[in-house]
Amino acid sequence: MGQAVDRQVLKRSIQSRMQALKRVFAPDRPGNGSPSLAVLRRWQSERLEASFADVLEDPVMHRAGRFFLSDLYGDQDFSGRDRDVEKIMPVMVHLLPDSLLVAARDAIGLHALSHALDLRMVAAMEARRWRRLDQDRYGMVYRDCGLPRVRARQIALIVAVGRNLDAAVRRHGVHRILKASRLPARAAGLSELQGFLERGFDAFERLGGADRFLERIRWGEMEASRRLFAADPSPFRP
């Protein structure tokens, strides 16, 4: 990262995203107990696996692709990781490099935004009384929700997390800091956040430069979104 980050501004930014996360995951929020949510997430996860099969089969990009699918954009439960960020925040803003802090902040923002969009799609599924999805139905509920600029923001956040993890890889001593914090993090009950940061660091270190990988993710998802909004009959074709 070129310009230094104001740590207090960053701390407030993380707090703001944590509050947004709590609001969107509130138990009384419509859609948060719906069986359609699990159906949607499972379908999206399988779609991503298919769309990025080339990335997962690439020996250089495989680990970064798996991190992207499991830790950033899949159907996993990230609540433990995000609670860890909130617990450790008073300490982490003094210890971790800017790039890792910003990556954690953007991962939380991505989690909140993705879930909010999923809830809108769940509402569209329920309005149509659909309990299963296929490619055509997915395109319909995607268009029902609209918000192309918000979809673009979602994709931009995915790329931003990757850029900051890549910046951390390039900074001398970050790997040593992460390894040194492993046992204290586990003792403090922060293993999920620690695991997220380590998996991300290791995945991007293996890339030896993330530009090709991140452009593949950005272009692939922007093109899929464009086709979905255009009612393309094959929105996920290579």
C-alpha atoms as a PDB file:
ATOM      1  CA  MET A   1       0.000   0.000   0.000  1.00  0.00           C
ATOM      2  CA  GLY A   2       1.348   3.390  -0.899  1.00  0.00           C
ATOM      3  CA  GLN A   3      -0.169   5.835   1.552  1.00  0.00           C
ATOM      4  CA  ALA A   4      -0.130   5.283   5.312  1.00  0.00           C
ATOM      5  CA  VAL A   5      -3.473   4.518   6.943  1.00  0.00           C
ATOM      6  CA  ASP A   6      -4.783   6.561   9.869  1.00  0.00           C
ATOM      7  CA  ARG A   7      -5.192   3.850  12.517  1.00  0.00           C
ATOM      8  CA  GLN A   8      -7.995   5.634  14.384  1.00  0.00           C
ATOM      9  CA  VAL A   9      -9.958   6.131  11.180  1.00  0.00           C
ATOM     10  CA  LEU A  10      -9.400   2.473  10.361  1.00  0.00           C
ATOM     11  CA  LYS A  11     -10.557   1.445  13.845  1.00  0.00           C
ATOM     12  CA  ARG A  12     -13.793   3.421  13.425  1.00  0.00           C
ATOM     13  CA  SER A  13     -14.255   1.939   9.981  1.00  0.00           C
ATOM     14  CA  ILE A  14     -13.972  -1.613  11.355  1.00  0.00           C
ATOM     15  CA  GLN A  15     -16.442  -0.752  14.130  1.00  0.00           C
ATOM     16  CA  SER A  16     -18.906   0.623  11.567  1.00  0.00           C
ATOM     17  CA  ARG A  17     -18.716  -2.533   9.492  1.00  0.00           C
ATOM     18  CA  MET A  18     -19.177  -4.701  12.574  1.00  0.00           C
ATOM     19  CA  GLN A  19     -22.376  -2.814  13.383  1.00  0.00           C
ATOM     20  CA  ALA A  20     -23.609  -3.275   9.815  1.00  0.00           C
ATOM     21  CA  LEU A  21     -22.834  -6.984  10.096  1.00  0.00           C
ATOM     22  CA  LYS A  22     -24.846  -7.304  13.308  1.00  0.00           C
ATOM     23  CA  ARG A  23     -27.815  -5.538  11.741  1.00  0.00           C
ATOM     24  CA  VAL A  24     -27.895  -7.690   8.624  1.00  0.00           C
ATOM     25  CA  PHE A  25     -27.531 -10.927  10.630  1.00  0.00           C
ATOM     26  CA  ALA A  26     -30.099  -9.981  13.286  1.00  0.00           C
ATOM     27  CA  PRO A  27     -32.336 -13.020  13.970  1.00  0.00           C
ATOM     28  CA  ASP A  28     -35.492 -10.975  13.357  1.00  0.00           C
ATOM     29  CA  ARG A  29     -34.283  -9.709   9.981  1.00  0.00           C
ATOM     30  CA  PRO A  30     -36.597 -11.112   7.273  1.00  0.00           C
ATOM     31  CA  GLY A  31     -34.961 -14.035   5.495  1.00  0.00           C
ATOM     32  CA  ASN A  32     -32.510 -14.945   8.237  1.00  0.00           C
ATOM     33  CA  GLY A  33     -34.322 -18.133   9.176  1.00  0.00           C
ATOM     34  CA  SER A  34     -35.626 -19.001   5.760  1.00  0.00           C
ATOM     35  CA  PRO A  35     -34.812 -22.425   4.252  1.00  0.00           C
ATOM     36  CA  SER A  36     -34.425 -20.568   0.945  1.00  0.00           C
ATOM     37  CA  LEU A  37     -31.224 -18.969   2.241  1.00  0.00           C
ATOM     38  CA  ALA A  38     -29.464 -22.336   2.428  1.00  0.00           C
ATOM     39  CA  VAL A  39     -30.790 -23.249  -1.040  1.00  0.00           C
ATOM     40  CA  LEU A  40     -29.442 -19.991  -2.484  1.00  0.00           C
ATOM     41  CA  ARG A  41     -26.042 -20.273  -0.840  1.00  0.00           C
ATOM     42  CA  ARG A  42     -25.580 -23.869  -1.925  1.00  0.00           C
ATOM     43  CA  TRP A  43     -26.468 -22.992  -5.523  1.00  0.00           C
ATOM     44  CA  GLN A  44     -24.103 -20.006  -5.549  1.00  0.00           C
ATOM     45  CA  SER A  45     -21.269 -22.060  -4.082  1.00  0.00           C
ATOM     46  CA  GLU A  46     -21.673 -24.758  -6.746  1.00  0.00           C
ATOM     47  CA  ARG A  47     -21.837 -22.091  -9.458  1.00  0.00           C
ATOM     48  CA  LEU A  48     -18.581 -20.511  -8.287  1.00  0.00           C
ATOM     49  CA  GLU A  49     -16.836 -23.880  -8.254  1.00  0.00           C
ATOM     50  CA  ALA A  50     -17.882 -24.383 -11.870  1.00  0.00           C
ATOM     51  CA  SER A  51     -17.126 -20.829 -13.006  1.00  0.00           C
ATOM     52  CA  PHE A  52     -13.612 -20.905 -11.587  1.00  0.00           C
ATOM     53  CA  ALA A  53     -12.727 -24.506 -12.372  1.00  0.00           C
ATOM     54  CA  ASP A  54      -9.781 -23.244 -14.438  1.00  0.00           C
ATOM     55  CA  VAL A  55      -8.416 -21.340 -11.429  1.00  0.00           C
ATOM     56  CA  LEU A  56      -8.807 -24.332  -9.120  1.00  0.00           C
ATOM     57  CA  GLU A  57      -7.012 -26.554 -11.625  1.00  0.00           C
ATOM     58  CA  ASP A  58      -4.107 -24.125 -12.040  1.00  0.00           C
ATOM     59  CA  PRO A  59      -1.166 -25.247  -9.822  1.00  0.00           C
ATOM     60  CA  VAL A  60      -0.152 -21.625  -9.116  1.00  0.00           C
ATOM     61  CA  MET A  61      -3.626 -20.154  -8.545  1.00  0.00           C
ATOM     62  CA  HIS A  62      -5.274 -23.162  -6.900  1.00  0.00           C
ATOM     63  CA  ARG A  63      -4.700 -22.148  -3.289  1.00  0.00           C
ATOM     64  CA  ALA A  64      -5.746 -18.539  -3.866  1.00  0.00           C
ATOM     65  CA  GLY A  65      -8.827 -19.772  -5.693  1.00  0.00           C
ATOM     66  CA  ARG A  66      -9.743 -22.076  -2.831  1.00  0.00           C
ATOM     67  CA  PHE A  67      -9.251 -19.203  -0.355  1.00  0.00           C
ATOM     68  CA  PHE A  68     -11.508 -17.013  -2.509  1.00  0.00           C
ATOM     69  CA  LEU A  69     -14.242 -19.677  -2.533  1.00  0.00           C
ATOM     70  CA  SER A  70     -14.014 -20.784   1.099  1.00  0.00           C
ATOM     71  CA  ASP A  71     -13.005 -17.641   3.015  1.00  0.00           C
ATOM     72  CA  LEU A  72     -14.387 -14.723   1.022  1.00  0.00           C
ATOM     73  CA  TYR A  73     -17.225 -15.569  -1.315  1.00  0.00           C
ATOM     74  CA  GLY A  74     -18.605 -18.993  -0.493  1.00  0.00           C
ATOM     75  CA  ASP A  75     -21.379 -20.316   1.723  1.00  0.00           C
ATOM     76  CA  GLN A  76     -19.260 -20.660   4.868  1.00  0.00           C
ATOM     77  CA  ASP A  77     -20.147 -19.205   8.286  1.00  0.00           C
ATOM     78  CA  PHE A  78     -17.736 -16.316   8.859  1.00  0.00           C
ATOM     79  CA  SER A  79     -19.278 -15.140  12.134  1.00  0.00           C
ATOM     80  CA  GLY A  80     -16.477 -16.543  14.320  1.00  0.00           C
ATOM     81  CA  ARG A  81     -13.815 -14.768  12.295  1.00  0.00           C
ATOM     82  CA  ASP A  82     -15.688 -11.492  12.429  1.00  0.00           C
ATOM     83  CA  ARG A  83     -16.261 -11.721  16.192  1.00  0.00           C
ATOM     84  CA  ASP A  84     -12.527 -12.304  16.527  1.00  0.00           C
ATOM     85  CA  VAL A  85     -11.853  -9.047  14.684  1.00  0.00           C
ATOM     86  CA  GLU A  86     -14.096  -7.178  17.110  1.00  0.00           C
ATOM     87  CA  LYS A  87     -12.443  -8.748  20.178  1.00  0.00           C
ATOM     88  CA  ILE A  88      -8.866  -8.179  19.117  1.00  0.00           C
ATOM     89  CA  MET A  89      -9.344  -4.802  17.443  1.00  0.00           C
ATOM     90  CA  PRO A  90      -7.941  -2.657  20.291  1.00  0.00           C
ATOM     91  CA  VAL A  91      -4.703  -4.659  20.067  1.00  0.00           C
ATOM     92  CA  MET A  92      -4.539  -5.415  16.362  1.00  0.00           C
ATOM     93  CA  VAL A  93      -4.617  -1.756  15.303  1.00  0.00           C
ATOM     94  CA  HIS A  94      -1.235  -1.372  17.003  1.00  0.00           C
ATOM     95  CA  LEU A  95       0.403  -4.632  15.915  1.00  0.00           C
ATOM     96  CA  LEU A  96      -0.669  -5.684  12.440  1.00  0.00           C
ATOM     97  CA  PRO A  97       0.466  -3.947   9.242  1.00  0.00           C
ATOM     98  CA  ASP A  98      -1.983  -1.665   7.453  1.00  0.00           C
ATOM     99  CA  SER A  99      -2.515  -4.121   4.612  1.00  0.00           C
ATOM    100  CA  LEU A 100      -3.771  -6.913   6.903  1.00  0.00           C
ATOM    101  CA  LEU A 101      -5.993  -4.550   8.876  1.00  0.00           C
ATOM    102  CA  VAL A 102      -7.572  -3.188   5.721  1.00  0.00           C
ATOM    103  CA  ALA A 103      -7.993  -6.732   4.379  1.00  0.00           C
ATOM    104  CA  ALA A 104      -9.821  -7.716   7.588  1.00  0.00           C
ATOM    105  CA  ARG A 105     -11.980  -4.588   7.403  1.00  0.00           C
ATOM    106  CA  ASP A 106     -12.936  -5.208   3.776  1.00  0.00           C
ATOM    107  CA  ALA A 107     -13.619  -8.899   4.442  1.00  0.00           C
ATOM    108  CA  ILE A 108     -16.148  -7.879   7.106  1.00  0.00           C
ATOM    109  CA  GLY A 109     -17.692  -5.322   4.746  1.00  0.00           C
ATOM    110  CA  LEU A 110     -17.897  -7.946   2.014  1.00  0.00           C
ATOM    111  CA  HIS A 111     -19.550 -10.412   4.401  1.00  0.00           C
ATOM    112  CA  ALA A 112     -22.216  -7.873   5.407  1.00  0.00           C
ATOM    113  CA  LEU A 113     -22.877  -6.742   1.835  1.00  0.00           C
ATOM    114  CA  SER A 114     -23.024 -10.279   0.415  1.00  0.00           C
ATOM    115  CA  HIS A 115     -25.475 -11.377   3.097  1.00  0.00           C
ATOM    116  CA  ALA A 116     -27.680  -8.318   2.535  1.00  0.00           C
ATOM    117  CA  LEU A 117     -27.816  -9.138  -1.178  1.00  0.00           C
ATOM    118  CA  ASP A 118     -28.555 -12.782  -0.405  1.00  0.00           C
ATOM    119  CA  LEU A 119     -31.500 -11.724   1.772  1.00  0.00           C
ATOM    120  CA  ARG A 120     -32.912  -9.673  -1.103  1.00  0.00           C
ATOM    121  CA  MET A 121     -32.658 -12.714  -3.353  1.00  0.00           C
ATOM    122  CA  VAL A 122     -34.322 -14.882  -0.718  1.00  0.00           C
ATOM    123  CA  ALA A 123     -37.213 -12.404  -0.624  1.00  0.00           C
ATOM    124  CA  ALA A 124     -37.469 -12.612  -4.417  1.00  0.00           C
ATOM    125  CA  MET A 125     -37.451 -16.424  -4.268  1.00  0.00           C
ATOM    126  CA  GLU A 126     -40.210 -16.427  -1.675  1.00  0.00           C
ATOM    127  CA  ALA A 127     -42.267 -13.899  -3.633  1.00  0.00           C
ATOM    128  CA  ARG A 128     -42.155 -16.331  -6.555  1.00  0.00           C
ATOM    129  CA  ARG A 129     -42.713 -19.293  -4.190  1.00  0.00           C
ATOM    130  CA  TRP A 130     -39.569 -21.017  -5.432  1.00  0.00           C
ATOM    131  CA  ARG A 131     -37.864 -23.599  -3.250  1.00  0.00           C
ATOM    132  CA  ARG A 132     -35.230 -24.635  -5.770  1.00  0.00           C
ATOM    133  CA  LEU A 133     -32.983 -22.840  -8.248  1.00  0.00           C
ATOM    134  CA  ASP A 134     -31.556 -23.434 -11.679  1.00  0.00           C
ATOM    135  CA  GLN A 135     -29.671 -21.066 -13.954  1.00  0.00           C
ATOM    136  CA  ASP A 136     -32.817 -19.449 -15.408  1.00  0.00           C
ATOM    137  CA  ARG A 137     -34.475 -18.983 -12.028  1.00  0.00           C
ATOM    138  CA  TYR A 138     -31.283 -17.616 -10.527  1.00  0.00           C
ATOM    139  CA  GLY A 139     -31.092 -15.012 -13.299  1.00  0.00           C
ATOM    140  CA  MET A 140     -34.688 -13.976 -12.658  1.00  0.00           C
ATOM    141  CA  VAL A 141     -34.283 -13.409  -8.922  1.00  0.00           C
ATOM    142  CA  TYR A 142     -30.929 -11.698  -9.550  1.00  0.00           C
ATOM    143  CA  ARG A 143     -32.689  -9.201 -11.820  1.00  0.00           C
ATOM    144  CA  ASP A 144     -35.598  -8.897  -9.381  1.00  0.00           C
ATOM    145  CA  CYS A 145     -33.112  -7.539  -6.850  1.00  0.00           C
ATOM    146  CA  GLY A 146     -31.467  -5.103  -9.251  1.00  0.00           C
ATOM    147  CA  LEU A 147     -28.731  -2.897  -7.744  1.00  0.00           C
ATOM    148  CA  PRO A 148     -26.030  -3.264 -10.422  1.00  0.00           C
ATOM    149  CA  ARG A 149     -23.807  -0.685  -8.703  1.00  0.00           C
ATOM    150  CA  VAL A 150     -24.001  -2.589  -5.427  1.00  0.00           C
ATOM    151  CA  ARG A 151     -23.087  -5.806  -7.245  1.00  0.00           C
ATOM    152  CA  ALA A 152     -20.072  -4.006  -8.701  1.00  0.00           C
ATOM    153  CA  ARG A 153     -19.149  -2.842  -5.197  1.00  0.00           C
ATOM    154  CA  GLN A 154     -19.329  -6.442  -3.967  1.00  0.00           C
ATOM    155  CA  ILE A 155     -16.858  -7.536  -6.633  1.00  0.00           C
ATOM    156  CA  ALA A 156     -14.607  -4.543  -5.932  1.00  0.00           C
ATOM    157  CA  LEU A 157     -14.429  -5.549  -2.254  1.00  0.00           C
ATOM    158  CA  ILE A 158     -13.347  -9.084  -3.178  1.00  0.00           C
ATOM    159  CA  VAL A 159     -10.510  -7.664  -5.271  1.00  0.00           C
ATOM    160  CA  ALA A 160      -9.611  -5.145  -2.549  1.00  0.00           C
ATOM    161  CA  VAL A 161      -9.136  -7.905   0.037  1.00  0.00           C
ATOM    162  CA  GLY A 162      -6.869  -9.707  -2.402  1.00  0.00           C
ATOM    163  CA  ARG A 163      -4.850  -6.583  -3.169  1.00  0.00           C
ATOM    164  CA  ASN A 164      -4.197  -5.956   0.508  1.00  0.00           C
ATOM    165  CA  LEU A 165      -3.235  -9.563   1.190  1.00  0.00           C
ATOM    166  CA  ASP A 166      -0.843  -9.306  -1.752  1.00  0.00           C
ATOM    167  CA  ALA A 167       0.577  -6.083  -0.279  1.00  0.00           C
ATOM    168  CA  ALA A 168       1.124  -7.876   3.041  1.00  0.00           C
ATOM    169  CA  VAL A 169       3.024 -10.655   1.265  1.00  0.00           C
ATOM    170  CA  ARG A 170       5.376  -8.074  -0.212  1.00  0.00           C
ATOM    171  CA  ARG A 171       6.122  -6.468   3.147  1.00  0.00           C
ATOM    172  CA  HIS A 172       9.175  -7.795   4.963  1.00  0.00           C
ATOM    173  CA  GLY A 173       8.524  -9.437   8.328  1.00  0.00           C
ATOM    174  CA  VAL A 174       4.756  -9.912   8.061  1.00  0.00           C
ATOM    175  CA  HIS A 175       5.003 -13.699   7.823  1.00  0.00           C
ATOM    176  CA  ARG A 176       7.130 -13.736  10.967  1.00  0.00           C
ATOM    177  CA  ILE A 177       4.545 -11.581  12.795  1.00  0.00           C
ATOM    178  CA  LEU A 178       1.746 -13.939  11.781  1.00  0.00           C
ATOM    179  CA  LYS A 179       3.632 -17.034  12.885  1.00  0.00           C
ATOM    180  CA  ALA A 180       4.576 -15.412  16.198  1.00  0.00           C
ATOM    181  CA  SER A 181       0.934 -14.535  16.910  1.00  0.00           C
ATOM    182  CA  ARG A 182      -0.360 -18.081  16.333  1.00  0.00           C
ATOM    183  CA  LEU A 183      -0.140 -19.385  19.905  1.00  0.00           C
ATOM    184  CA  PRO A 184      -1.272 -16.141  21.601  1.00  0.00           C
ATOM    185  CA  ALA A 185      -4.216 -15.950  19.196  1.00  0.00           C
ATOM    186  CA  ARG A 186      -5.228 -19.515  19.991  1.00  0.00           C
ATOM    187  CA  ALA A 187      -4.906 -18.887  23.726  1.00  0.00           C
ATOM    188  CA  ALA A 188      -7.056 -15.769  23.422  1.00  0.00           C
ATOM    189  CA  GLY A 189      -9.757 -17.616  21.476  1.00  0.00           C
ATOM    190  CA  LEU A 190      -8.912 -15.847  18.223  1.00  0.00           C
ATOM    191  CA  SER A 191      -8.019 -18.866  16.130  1.00  0.00           C
ATOM    192  CA  GLU A 192     -10.580 -18.216  13.389  1.00  0.00           C
ATOM    193  CA  LEU A 193      -9.213 -14.760  12.589  1.00  0.00           C
ATOM    194  CA  GLN A 194      -5.667 -16.080  12.798  1.00  0.00           C
ATOM    195  CA  GLY A 195      -6.522 -18.917  10.438  1.00  0.00           C
ATOM    196  CA  PHE A 196      -8.153 -16.527   7.960  1.00  0.00           C
ATOM    197  CA  LEU A 197      -5.085 -14.261   7.871  1.00  0.00           C
ATOM    198  CA  GLU A 198      -2.643 -17.158   7.603  1.00  0.00           C
ATOM    199  CA  ARG A 199      -4.585 -18.902   4.836  1.00  0.00           C
ATOM    200  CA  GLY A 200      -4.853 -15.657   2.921  1.00  0.00           C
ATOM    201  CA  PHE A 201      -1.173 -14.846   3.349  1.00  0.00           C
ATOM    202  CA  ASP A 202      -0.051 -18.333   2.323  1.00  0.00           C
ATOM    203  CA  ALA A 203      -2.370 -18.402  -0.698  1.00  0.00           C
ATOM    204  CA  PHE A 204      -1.176 -15.060  -2.024  1.00  0.00           C
ATOM    205  CA  GLU A 205       2.469 -15.762  -1.257  1.00  0.00           C
ATOM    206  CA  ARG A 206       2.276 -18.778  -3.534  1.00  0.00           C
ATOM    207  CA  LEU A 207       0.966 -16.622  -6.394  1.00  0.00           C
ATOM    208  CA  GLY A 208       4.191 -14.641  -6.626  1.00  0.00           C
ATOM    209  CA  GLY A 209       2.134 -11.603  -7.652  1.00  0.00           C
ATOM    210  CA  ALA A 210      -1.654 -11.466  -7.598  1.00  0.00           C
ATOM    211  CA  ASP A 211      -2.442  -9.359 -10.674  1.00  0.00           C
ATOM    212  CA  ARG A 212      -3.363 -12.252 -13.010  1.00  0.00           C
ATOM    213  CA  PHE A 213      -5.444 -14.010 -10.371  1.00  0.00           C
ATOM    214  CA  LEU A 214      -7.333 -10.907  -9.260  1.00  0.00           C
ATOM    215  CA  GLU A 215      -8.030  -9.816 -12.827  1.00  0.00           C
ATOM    216  CA  ARG A 216      -9.435 -13.284 -13.554  1.00  0.00           C
ATOM    217  CA  ILE A 217     -11.762 -12.955 -10.540  1.00  0.00           C
ATOM    218  CA  ARG A 218     -12.739  -9.350 -11.308  1.00  0.00           C
ATOM    219  CA  TRP A 219     -13.386  -9.872 -15.007  1.00  0.00           C
ATOM    220  CA  GLY A 220     -15.164 -13.197 -14.525  1.00  0.00           C
ATOM    221  CA  GLU A 221     -17.592 -11.873 -11.909  1.00  0.00           C
ATOM    222  CA  MET A 222     -18.204  -8.517 -13.630  1.00  0.00           C
ATOM    223  CA  GLU A 223     -18.943 -10.318 -16.899  1.00  0.00           C
ATOM    224  CA  ALA A 224     -21.291 -12.778 -15.172  1.00  0.00           C
ATOM    225  CA  SER A 225     -23.116  -9.874 -13.509  1.00  0.00           C
ATOM    226  CA  ARG A 226     -23.400  -7.978 -16.798  1.00  0.00           C
ATOM    227  CA  ARG A 227     -24.833 -11.044 -18.532  1.00  0.00           C
ATOM    228  CA  LEU A 228     -27.276 -11.739 -15.699  1.00  0.00           C
ATOM    229  CA  PHE A 229     -28.669  -8.202 -15.856  1.00  0.00           C
ATOM    230  CA  ALA A 230     -28.884  -8.499 -19.662  1.00  0.00           C
ATOM    231  CA  ALA A 231     -30.875 -11.772 -19.342  1.00  0.00           C
ATOM    232  CA  ASP A 232     -28.196 -13.636 -21.283  1.00  0.00           C
ATOM    233  CA  PRO A 233     -29.299 -17.287 -21.593  1.00  0.00           C
ATOM    234  CA  SER A 234     -25.770 -18.489 -20.706  1.00  0.00           C
ATOM    235  CA  PRO A 235     -24.506 -15.979 -18.112  1.00  0.00           C
ATOM    236  CA  PHE A 236     -21.788 -18.231 -16.669  1.00  0.00           C
ATOM    237  CA  ARG A 237     -20.207 -19.516 -19.868  1.00  0.00           C
ATOM    238  CA  PRO A 238     -16.383 -19.237 -19.974  1.00  0.00           C
END
